Amino acid sequence: MTKSRTTRWAKGTLVSAVAAVVCRAGWERLREWSSDVAAADPGAMGAGWLEAMLASVAGLVAMPVLLWVGMRLLGERGNHLLVLAGVLAWWLIGGHVVENANVGATATALLLTLFALLGGALSMAELTDT
C-alpha cells in the first residue's frame, strides 16, 4: 500500500466515523421527536408516523451527503463507491443501531466502528474520469 493509499484509507475511516456519529445523533433526536409527537396524542391513529418516516429519511439521506462533503473537504475525489456503498451499509448498520431499541452501548460502539472501517476500505477505490 502506497503512502497516498494509506492516507486515503485514513481519511475515509475518519470521515466515515464522524459521519456515523453525526447521523446517529441526528437520527436518534428525530426519532425521539416522533415519539414525543405520538405520546402527545396517544388516541390519534397514526400520530407520529409522518415524523417517524421523516426521521428515517433524514437519517439515511444525510449519510451520503456527509461522506461526500467530508472527503471533498479533505481533498479526495472519486468517492463514488464510498458514497453509494456507504449509504447501503448505513441503511443496514445505522438502521439497526437507531431503530432497534435492544442494541446496547457496546454493540452500538462496535457497529459504528465496523461502519468506519468499512468506509475506510471503500474509500480505497478511487473512481475518476479519465
Protein backbone atom coordinates (compact mmCIF):
# COMPACT_ATOMS: atom_id res chain seq x y z
CA MET A 1 0.00 0.00 0.00
CA THR A 2 1.46 3.33 -1.02
CA LYS A 3 1.55 6.41 1.13
CA SER A 4 -1.33 8.01 -0.79
CA ARG A 5 -3.44 4.85 -0.37
CA THR A 6 -2.74 4.82 3.35
CA THR A 7 -3.67 8.49 3.59
CA ARG A 8 -6.85 7.91 1.58
CA TRP A 9 -7.80 4.98 3.84
CA ALA A 10 -7.21 7.09 6.97
CA LYS A 11 -9.29 9.95 5.56
CA GLY A 12 -12.09 7.57 4.58
CA THR A 13 -12.10 5.96 8.01
CA LEU A 14 -12.14 9.33 9.77
CA VAL A 15 -14.89 10.76 7.58
CA SER A 16 -16.99 7.60 7.96
CA ALA A 17 -16.60 7.63 11.74
CA VAL A 18 -17.59 11.29 12.04
CA ALA A 19 -20.48 10.84 9.61
CA ALA A 20 -21.74 7.80 11.56
CA VAL A 21 -21.70 9.66 14.87
CA VAL A 22 -23.39 12.74 13.40
CA CYS A 23 -26.04 10.73 11.53
CA ARG A 24 -26.78 8.54 14.53
CA ALA A 25 -27.19 11.53 16.83
CA GLY A 26 -29.47 13.36 14.42
CA TRP A 27 -31.49 10.27 13.59
CA GLU A 28 -32.00 9.45 17.28
CA ARG A 29 -33.08 13.01 18.10
CA LEU A 30 -35.59 12.93 15.26
CA ARG A 31 -36.87 9.54 16.46
CA GLU A 32 -37.32 10.98 19.96
CA TRP A 33 -39.24 13.88 18.42
CA SER A 34 -41.55 11.46 16.58
CA SER A 35 -42.10 9.53 19.83
CA ASP A 36 -42.95 12.77 21.62
CA VAL A 37 -45.49 13.64 18.93
CA ALA A 38 -47.07 10.19 19.23
CA ALA A 39 -47.14 10.44 23.03
CA ALA A 40 -48.75 13.88 22.92
CA ASP A 41 -51.87 12.42 21.31
CA PRO A 42 -51.91 8.67 22.05
CA GLY A 43 -55.52 8.23 20.96
CA ALA A 44 -54.98 9.55 17.45
CA MET A 45 -54.41 6.90 14.83
CA GLY A 46 -51.10 7.47 13.06
CA ALA A 47 -49.84 10.10 15.46
CA GLY A 48 -46.10 10.40 14.90
CA TRP A 49 -45.99 8.22 11.78
CA LEU A 50 -45.13 11.09 9.47
CA GLU A 51 -42.47 12.30 11.89
CA ALA A 52 -41.00 8.78 12.20
CA MET A 53 -40.85 8.47 8.41
CA LEU A 54 -39.19 11.88 8.18
CA ALA A 55 -36.66 10.82 10.84
CA SER A 56 -35.76 7.68 8.89
CA VAL A 57 -35.44 9.51 5.58
CA ALA A 58 -33.32 12.25 7.11
CA GLY A 59 -31.12 9.68 8.87
CA LEU A 60 -30.46 7.91 5.58
CA VAL A 61 -30.16 10.91 3.25
CA ALA A 62 -27.67 12.70 5.49
CA MET A 63 -25.09 9.90 5.21
CA PRO A 64 -24.13 10.16 1.52
CA VAL A 65 -24.00 13.93 1.81
CA LEU A 66 -21.70 13.79 4.84
CA LEU A 67 -19.45 11.18 3.24
CA TRP A 68 -19.11 13.13 0.00
CA VAL A 69 -18.63 16.53 1.65
CA GLY A 70 -16.17 15.13 4.20
CA MET A 71 -13.96 13.51 1.59
CA ARG A 72 -14.09 16.60 -0.63
CA LEU A 73 -13.09 18.82 2.29
CA LEU A 74 -10.09 16.55 2.85
CA GLY A 75 -9.14 16.88 -0.82
CA GLU A 76 -10.17 13.46 -2.09
CA ARG A 77 -12.01 12.95 -5.37
CA GLY A 78 -13.61 9.89 -6.94
CA ASN A 79 -15.54 8.81 -3.86
CA HIS A 80 -18.42 7.21 -5.76
CA LEU A 81 -18.05 3.75 -4.26
CA LEU A 82 -17.72 5.10 -0.72
CA VAL A 83 -20.87 7.19 -1.09
CA LEU A 84 -23.00 4.53 -2.81
CA ALA A 85 -21.93 1.52 -0.75
CA GLY A 86 -21.70 3.67 2.37
CA VAL A 87 -25.37 4.58 2.23
CA LEU A 88 -26.30 0.92 1.77
CA ALA A 89 -24.14 -0.08 4.72
CA TRP A 90 -25.59 2.77 6.78
CA TRP A 91 -29.12 1.63 5.91
CA LEU A 92 -28.29 -1.76 7.45
CA ILE A 93 -25.95 -0.76 10.29
CA GLY A 94 -27.39 2.64 11.20
CA GLY A 95 -30.94 1.44 10.83
CA HIS A 96 -30.24 -1.41 13.21
CA VAL A 97 -28.50 0.83 15.74
CA VAL A 98 -31.12 3.59 15.74
CA GLU A 99 -34.38 1.76 15.09
CA ASN A 100 -33.73 -1.27 17.31
CA ALA A 101 -34.23 -0.38 20.98
CA ASN A 102 -32.44 -3.55 22.15
CA VAL A 103 -28.99 -2.51 20.92
CA GLY A 104 -26.75 -1.76 23.89
CA ALA A 105 -23.88 0.71 24.16
CA THR A 106 -21.19 -1.89 23.44
CA ALA A 107 -22.96 -3.22 20.37
CA THR A 108 -23.57 0.33 19.15
CA ALA A 109 -19.88 1.21 19.51
CA LEU A 110 -18.84 -1.97 17.69
CA LEU A 111 -21.31 -1.42 14.86
CA LEU A 112 -20.24 2.21 14.39
CA THR A 113 -16.60 1.08 14.40
CA LEU A 114 -17.45 -1.54 11.79
CA PHE A 115 -19.06 1.16 9.65
CA ALA A 116 -15.99 3.40 9.98
CA LEU A 117 -13.63 0.58 8.99
CA LEU A 118 -15.88 -0.39 6.09
CA GLY A 119 -15.88 3.25 4.97
CA GLY A 120 -12.09 3.27 5.10
CA ALA A 121 -11.96 0.15 2.94
CA LEU A 122 -14.49 1.57 0.47
CA SER A 123 -12.56 4.81 0.20
CA MET A 124 -9.58 2.90 -1.21
CA ALA A 125 -11.39 2.59 -4.53
CA GLU A 126 -10.88 5.88 -6.33
CA LEU A 127 -13.17 6.18 -9.33
CA THR A 128 -12.16 9.08 -11.52
CA ASP A 129 -12.99 10.20 -15.02
CA THR A 130 -10.19 9.54 -17.48
